[in-house]
Amino acid sequence: MTADTLSLVFSALADPTRRDMLARLAEGDATVGQLAEPYGMTLQAVYKHLRVLENAGLVSRREGPQPRPVHLETEVFDLMDAWIERYRRRAEQRYRRLDAVLAAMNDDRDGADHDPDHGDDHRG
């Protein structure tokens, strides 16, 4: 997936109406009229949202007579997931390294607290 495609996908997902449409399409294909039902918008506005989703590769409509069902394209989510997973793994590696450093610092501090040369027994 190219950076341009990722930009299109994330831009398309930035709109709550489009995210809701995708959530509804996850339940099954729907016509434009069915997708438009819960929204107080014109069919023209729904088509504009669908065009953004289609350009991002998130949905497709087969050629043919109306009404054409809108279909969720799950392959794009697999590609997005792979991109996100790569950065999640990097972040987890950083956190594991930080955990190791903090644990070592804590072990050093605990060792110093029990060191007889540095203990509280030598108060003056």
N, C-alpha and C. Protein backbone atom coordinates (compact mmCIF):
# COMPACT_ATOMS: atom_id res chain seq x y z
N MET A 1 0.86 -1.17 0.00
CA MET A 1 0.00 0.00 0.00
C MET A 1 0.90 1.23 0.00
N THR A 2 0.64 2.12 -0.90
CA THR A 2 1.47 3.31 -1.00
C THR A 2 1.05 4.34 0.03
N ALA A 3 1.92 5.31 0.25
CA ALA A 3 1.60 6.38 1.19
C ALA A 3 0.38 7.15 0.72
N ASP A 4 0.25 7.33 -0.61
CA ASP A 4 -0.92 8.03 -1.14
C ASP A 4 -2.20 7.27 -0.84
N THR A 5 -2.16 5.95 -0.98
CA THR A 5 -3.33 5.13 -0.67
C THR A 5 -3.66 5.23 0.81
N LEU A 6 -2.64 5.14 1.64
CA LEU A 6 -2.88 5.28 3.08
C LEU A 6 -3.50 6.63 3.40
N SER A 7 -3.04 7.67 2.77
CA SER A 7 -3.61 8.99 3.00
C SER A 7 -5.08 9.01 2.61
N LEU A 8 -5.42 8.42 1.48
CA LEU A 8 -6.81 8.36 1.05
C LEU A 8 -7.67 7.57 2.04
N VAL A 9 -7.15 6.45 2.50
CA VAL A 9 -7.89 5.60 3.42
C VAL A 9 -8.12 6.32 4.75
N PHE A 10 -7.05 6.85 5.32
CA PHE A 10 -7.20 7.51 6.62
C PHE A 10 -8.05 8.77 6.50
N SER A 11 -7.95 9.47 5.39
CA SER A 11 -8.80 10.64 5.17
C SER A 11 -10.26 10.22 5.08
N ALA A 12 -10.53 9.14 4.37
CA ALA A 12 -11.91 8.65 4.25
C ALA A 12 -12.45 8.23 5.61
N LEU A 13 -11.61 7.62 6.42
CA LEU A 13 -12.04 7.15 7.74
C LEU A 13 -12.17 8.27 8.77
N ALA A 14 -11.68 9.45 8.43
CA ALA A 14 -11.75 10.58 9.37
C ALA A 14 -13.18 11.08 9.55
N ASP A 15 -14.05 10.79 8.62
CA ASP A 15 -15.42 11.28 8.71
C ASP A 15 -16.31 10.27 9.44
N PRO A 16 -17.04 10.69 10.47
CA PRO A 16 -17.86 9.75 11.24
C PRO A 16 -18.99 9.13 10.42
N THR A 17 -19.55 9.86 9.47
CA THR A 17 -20.62 9.28 8.64
C THR A 17 -20.07 8.15 7.79
N ARG A 18 -18.89 8.34 7.23
CA ARG A 18 -18.28 7.28 6.41
C ARG A 18 -17.91 6.07 7.27
N ARG A 19 -17.40 6.34 8.48
CA ARG A 19 -17.10 5.20 9.37
C ARG A 19 -18.37 4.43 9.70
N ASP A 20 -19.46 5.15 9.92
CA ASP A 20 -20.73 4.49 10.21
C ASP A 20 -21.22 3.68 9.02
N MET A 21 -21.07 4.23 7.83
CA MET A 21 -21.45 3.48 6.63
C MET A 21 -20.65 2.19 6.52
N LEU A 22 -19.35 2.26 6.80
CA LEU A 22 -18.51 1.06 6.74
C LEU A 22 -18.95 0.05 7.79
N ALA A 23 -19.29 0.54 8.97
CA ALA A 23 -19.75 -0.38 10.03
C ALA A 23 -21.03 -1.08 9.59
N ARG A 24 -21.90 -0.36 8.94
CA ARG A 24 -23.14 -0.98 8.46
C ARG A 24 -22.86 -1.96 7.34
N LEU A 25 -21.91 -1.62 6.46
CA LEU A 25 -21.57 -2.54 5.37
C LEU A 25 -20.85 -3.79 5.88
N ALA A 26 -20.25 -3.70 7.06
CA ALA A 26 -19.62 -4.89 7.64
C ALA A 26 -20.67 -5.96 7.95
N GLU A 27 -21.91 -5.55 8.10
CA GLU A 27 -23.01 -6.50 8.34
C GLU A 27 -23.51 -7.12 7.04
N GLY A 28 -23.23 -6.46 5.92
CA GLY A 28 -23.66 -6.98 4.63
C GLY A 28 -23.79 -5.87 3.61
N ASP A 29 -23.82 -6.25 2.34
CA ASP A 29 -23.97 -5.27 1.27
C ASP A 29 -25.29 -4.52 1.42
N ALA A 30 -25.31 -3.29 0.90
CA ALA A 30 -26.52 -2.45 0.97
C ALA A 30 -26.57 -1.56 -0.25
N THR A 31 -27.77 -1.17 -0.63
CA THR A 31 -27.92 -0.22 -1.73
C THR A 31 -27.66 1.18 -1.18
N VAL A 32 -27.49 2.12 -2.09
CA VAL A 32 -27.28 3.50 -1.68
C VAL A 32 -28.49 4.00 -0.90
N GLY A 33 -29.67 3.63 -1.36
CA GLY A 33 -30.89 4.02 -0.64
C GLY A 33 -30.91 3.48 0.78
N GLN A 34 -30.51 2.23 0.95
CA GLN A 34 -30.45 1.64 2.29
C GLN A 34 -29.42 2.35 3.15
N LEU A 35 -28.28 2.68 2.56
CA LEU A 35 -27.25 3.40 3.32
C LEU A 35 -27.72 4.79 3.71
N ALA A 36 -28.53 5.42 2.87
CA ALA A 36 -28.98 6.79 3.12
C ALA A 36 -30.05 6.88 4.20
N GLU A 37 -30.77 5.79 4.46
CA GLU A 37 -31.93 5.82 5.36
C GLU A 37 -31.71 6.51 6.70
N PRO A 38 -30.65 6.18 7.45
CA PRO A 38 -30.55 6.79 8.79
C PRO A 38 -30.02 8.22 8.83
N TYR A 39 -29.66 8.76 7.68
CA TYR A 39 -29.04 10.08 7.66
C TYR A 39 -30.01 11.11 7.12
N GLY A 40 -29.94 12.30 7.65
CA GLY A 40 -30.73 13.41 7.15
C GLY A 40 -30.00 14.11 6.03
N MET A 41 -29.69 13.38 4.97
CA MET A 41 -28.96 13.98 3.85
C MET A 41 -29.53 13.47 2.53
N THR A 42 -29.22 14.19 1.50
CA THR A 42 -29.70 13.82 0.18
C THR A 42 -28.94 12.61 -0.34
N LEU A 43 -29.50 11.97 -1.35
CA LEU A 43 -28.79 10.87 -2.00
C LEU A 43 -27.50 11.37 -2.63
N GLN A 44 -27.54 12.59 -3.13
CA GLN A 44 -26.33 13.18 -3.72
C GLN A 44 -25.21 13.24 -2.68
N ALA A 45 -25.52 13.62 -1.45
CA ALA A 45 -24.51 13.68 -0.38
C ALA A 45 -24.00 12.28 -0.05
N VAL A 46 -24.89 11.30 -0.04
CA VAL A 46 -24.48 9.92 0.23
C VAL A 46 -23.55 9.45 -0.88
N TYR A 47 -23.88 9.78 -2.13
CA TYR A 47 -23.00 9.40 -3.25
C TYR A 47 -21.62 10.04 -3.12
N LYS A 48 -21.57 11.26 -2.61
CA LYS A 48 -20.26 11.91 -2.41
C LYS A 48 -19.44 11.15 -1.38
N HIS A 49 -20.08 10.74 -0.30
CA HIS A 49 -19.38 9.93 0.71
C HIS A 49 -18.90 8.62 0.10
N LEU A 50 -19.76 7.98 -0.68
CA LEU A 50 -19.39 6.71 -1.30
C LEU A 50 -18.25 6.87 -2.29
N ARG A 51 -18.23 7.98 -3.00
CA ARG A 51 -17.13 8.23 -3.95
C ARG A 51 -15.80 8.31 -3.20
N VAL A 52 -15.79 8.97 -2.04
CA VAL A 52 -14.56 9.05 -1.23
C VAL A 52 -14.15 7.65 -0.78
N LEU A 53 -15.12 6.86 -0.32
CA LEU A 53 -14.83 5.49 0.13
C LEU A 53 -14.35 4.62 -1.03
N GLU A 54 -14.95 4.79 -2.20
CA GLU A 54 -14.51 4.03 -3.38
C GLU A 54 -13.11 4.43 -3.80
N ASN A 55 -12.82 5.72 -3.83
CA ASN A 55 -11.48 6.18 -4.22
C ASN A 55 -10.41 5.66 -3.27
N ALA A 56 -10.77 5.45 -2.03
CA ALA A 56 -9.82 4.91 -1.05
C ALA A 56 -9.74 3.38 -1.12
N GLY A 57 -10.61 2.76 -1.91
CA GLY A 57 -10.60 1.30 -2.02
C GLY A 57 -11.33 0.60 -0.90
N LEU A 58 -12.11 1.33 -0.12
CA LEU A 58 -12.81 0.74 1.02
C LEU A 58 -14.13 0.08 0.63
N VAL A 59 -14.75 0.55 -0.43
CA VAL A 59 -16.00 -0.04 -0.90
C VAL A 59 -15.96 -0.14 -2.42
N SER A 60 -16.85 -0.96 -2.96
CA SER A 60 -16.97 -1.08 -4.41
C SER A 60 -18.45 -1.26 -4.75
N ARG A 61 -18.77 -0.92 -5.99
CA ARG A 61 -20.11 -1.16 -6.53
C ARG A 61 -19.92 -1.78 -7.90
N ARG A 62 -20.64 -2.86 -8.15
CA ARG A 62 -20.54 -3.52 -9.45
C ARG A 62 -21.20 -2.66 -10.52
N GLU A 63 -20.70 -2.81 -11.72
CA GLU A 63 -21.32 -2.14 -12.85
C GLU A 63 -22.67 -2.81 -13.11
N GLY A 64 -23.60 -2.03 -13.58
CA GLY A 64 -24.90 -2.59 -13.91
C GLY A 64 -26.00 -1.63 -13.55
N PRO A 65 -27.23 -2.12 -13.70
CA PRO A 65 -28.38 -1.25 -13.45
C PRO A 65 -28.54 -0.94 -11.96
N GLN A 66 -29.23 0.16 -11.71
CA GLN A 66 -29.52 0.54 -10.32
C GLN A 66 -30.65 -0.35 -9.82
N PRO A 67 -30.81 -0.65 -8.58
CA PRO A 67 -29.85 -0.31 -7.52
C PRO A 67 -28.71 -1.31 -7.48
N ARG A 68 -27.50 -0.78 -7.37
CA ARG A 68 -26.31 -1.62 -7.28
C ARG A 68 -25.89 -1.69 -5.81
N PRO A 69 -25.68 -2.88 -5.30
CA PRO A 69 -25.26 -2.97 -3.90
C PRO A 69 -23.84 -2.45 -3.70
N VAL A 70 -23.63 -1.83 -2.56
CA VAL A 70 -22.31 -1.35 -2.16
C VAL A 70 -21.69 -2.47 -1.34
N HIS A 71 -20.44 -2.77 -1.62
CA HIS A 71 -19.74 -3.89 -0.99
C HIS A 71 -18.50 -3.39 -0.25
N LEU A 72 -18.31 -3.84 0.97
CA LEU A 72 -17.12 -3.51 1.77
C LEU A 72 -15.93 -4.32 1.26
N GLU A 73 -14.83 -3.64 0.98
CA GLU A 73 -13.61 -4.30 0.50
C GLU A 73 -12.67 -4.50 1.69
N THR A 74 -12.63 -5.71 2.20
CA THR A 74 -11.87 -5.98 3.42
C THR A 74 -10.37 -6.04 3.20
N GLU A 75 -9.93 -6.22 1.95
CA GLU A 75 -8.49 -6.31 1.70
C GLU A 75 -7.77 -5.04 2.14
N VAL A 76 -8.42 -3.90 2.00
CA VAL A 76 -7.81 -2.63 2.40
C VAL A 76 -7.55 -2.63 3.90
N PHE A 77 -8.46 -3.21 4.67
CA PHE A 77 -8.27 -3.27 6.11
C PHE A 77 -7.09 -4.17 6.47
N ASP A 78 -6.91 -5.25 5.71
CA ASP A 78 -5.75 -6.11 5.94
C ASP A 78 -4.46 -5.35 5.69
N LEU A 79 -4.42 -4.55 4.63
CA LEU A 79 -3.23 -3.75 4.33
C LEU A 79 -3.00 -2.69 5.41
N MET A 80 -4.07 -2.04 5.85
CA MET A 80 -3.94 -1.04 6.92
C MET A 80 -3.46 -1.70 8.20
N ASP A 81 -4.00 -2.87 8.50
CA ASP A 81 -3.62 -3.59 9.70
C ASP A 81 -2.13 -3.93 9.68
N ALA A 82 -1.63 -4.36 8.54
CA ALA A 82 -0.20 -4.68 8.42
C ALA A 82 0.64 -3.42 8.65
N TRP A 83 0.21 -2.29 8.10
CA TRP A 83 0.95 -1.03 8.29
C TRP A 83 0.93 -0.61 9.76
N ILE A 84 -0.23 -0.69 10.39
CA ILE A 84 -0.36 -0.31 11.80
C ILE A 84 0.43 -1.28 12.68
N GLU A 85 0.35 -2.57 12.37
CA GLU A 85 1.04 -3.59 13.18
C GLU A 85 2.54 -3.36 13.20
N ARG A 86 3.11 -2.94 12.08
CA ARG A 86 4.55 -2.68 12.02
C ARG A 86 4.94 -1.63 13.05
N TYR A 87 4.17 -0.58 13.18
CA TYR A 87 4.49 0.49 14.13
C TYR A 87 4.13 0.10 15.56
N ARG A 88 3.10 -0.73 15.71
CA ARG A 88 2.76 -1.22 17.05
C ARG A 88 3.89 -2.09 17.59
N ARG A 89 4.45 -2.95 16.73
CA ARG A 89 5.56 -3.80 17.16
C ARG A 89 6.77 -2.96 17.55
N ARG A 90 7.07 -1.91 16.78
CA ARG A 90 8.19 -1.03 17.12
C ARG A 90 7.95 -0.36 18.47
N ALA A 91 6.74 0.11 18.70
CA ALA A 91 6.42 0.75 19.98
C ALA A 91 6.56 -0.25 21.12
N GLU A 92 6.09 -1.47 20.93
CA GLU A 92 6.21 -2.49 21.98
C GLU A 92 7.68 -2.80 22.28
N GLN A 93 8.51 -2.83 21.25
CA GLN A 93 9.94 -3.07 21.48
C GLN A 93 10.54 -1.95 22.32
N ARG A 94 10.15 -0.70 22.03
CA ARG A 94 10.64 0.43 22.83
C ARG A 94 10.18 0.30 24.28
N TYR A 95 8.92 -0.07 24.47
CA TYR A 95 8.41 -0.22 25.84
C TYR A 95 9.11 -1.36 26.58
N ARG A 96 9.40 -2.45 25.87
CA ARG A 96 10.13 -3.55 26.52
C ARG A 96 11.53 -3.11 26.93
N ARG A 97 12.20 -2.34 26.06
CA ARG A 97 13.53 -1.82 26.42
C ARG A 97 13.43 -0.88 27.62
N LEU A 98 12.42 -0.02 27.62
CA LEU A 98 12.22 0.89 28.75
C LEU A 98 11.93 0.11 30.03
N ASP A 99 11.09 -0.91 29.94
CA ASP A 99 10.81 -1.76 31.10
C ASP A 99 12.08 -2.40 31.64
N ALA A 100 12.96 -2.86 30.73
CA ALA A 100 14.21 -3.49 31.16
C ALA A 100 15.11 -2.47 31.86
N VAL A 101 15.19 -1.26 31.31
CA VAL A 101 16.01 -0.21 31.94
C VAL A 101 15.47 0.13 33.32
N LEU A 102 14.15 0.30 33.41
CA LEU A 102 13.54 0.63 34.70
C LEU A 102 13.72 -0.49 35.71
N ALA A 103 13.59 -1.74 35.26
CA ALA A 103 13.80 -2.87 36.16
C ALA A 103 15.24 -2.91 36.64
N ALA A 104 16.20 -2.65 35.74
CA ALA A 104 17.60 -2.64 36.14
C ALA A 104 17.87 -1.51 37.13
N MET A 105 17.28 -0.35 36.89
CA MET A 105 17.45 0.77 37.82
C MET A 105 16.86 0.43 39.18
N ASN A 106 15.72 -0.24 39.17
CA ASN A 106 15.07 -0.63 40.42
C ASN A 106 15.90 -1.67 41.15
N ASP A 107 16.48 -2.63 40.41
CA ASP A 107 17.34 -3.64 41.02
C ASP A 107 18.58 -2.99 41.63
N ASP A 108 19.17 -2.03 40.91
CA ASP A 108 20.34 -1.32 41.44
C ASP A 108 19.99 -0.57 42.71
N ARG A 109 18.84 0.07 42.72
CA ARG A 109 18.41 0.83 43.89
C ARG A 109 18.13 -0.10 45.06
N ASP A 110 17.45 -1.24 44.78
CA ASP A 110 17.18 -2.20 45.84
C ASP A 110 18.46 -2.78 46.40
N GLY A 111 19.44 -3.02 45.52
CA GLY A 111 20.73 -3.53 45.96
C GLY A 111 21.45 -2.52 46.84
N ALA A 112 21.35 -1.24 46.52
CA ALA A 112 21.99 -0.20 47.32
C ALA A 112 21.34 -0.07 48.68
N ASP A 113 20.03 -0.29 48.77
CA ASP A 113 19.33 -0.20 50.05
C ASP A 113 19.74 -1.31 50.99
N HIS A 114 20.18 -2.43 50.47
CA HIS A 114 20.55 -3.57 51.31
C HIS A 114 22.06 -3.68 51.51
N ASP A 115 22.81 -2.80 50.91
CA ASP A 115 24.27 -2.81 51.04
C ASP A 115 24.63 -2.34 52.44
N PRO A 116 25.34 -3.18 53.23
CA PRO A 116 25.66 -2.79 54.60
C PRO A 116 26.53 -1.53 54.68
N ASP A 117 27.30 -1.24 53.65
CA ASP A 117 28.12 -0.04 53.67
C ASP A 117 27.30 1.21 53.44
N HIS A 118 26.09 1.06 52.93
CA HIS A 118 25.27 2.23 52.61
C HIS A 118 23.92 2.18 53.32
N GLY A 119 23.79 1.35 54.31
CA GLY A 119 22.51 1.19 55.00
C GLY A 119 22.26 2.26 56.03
N ASP A 120 21.07 2.16 56.65
CA ASP A 120 20.67 3.13 57.66
C ASP A 120 21.31 2.85 59.03
N ASP A 121 22.09 1.75 59.17
CA ASP A 121 22.70 1.40 60.46
C ASP A 121 23.80 2.36 60.85
N HIS A 122 24.28 3.21 59.96
CA HIS A 122 25.42 4.09 60.22
C HIS A 122 24.99 5.53 60.45
N ARG A 123 23.85 5.74 61.03
CA ARG A 123 23.41 7.11 61.27
C ARG A 123 24.18 7.70 62.42
N GLY A 124 24.37 8.97 62.33
CA GLY A 124 25.16 9.63 63.35
C GLY A 124 24.41 10.40 64.33
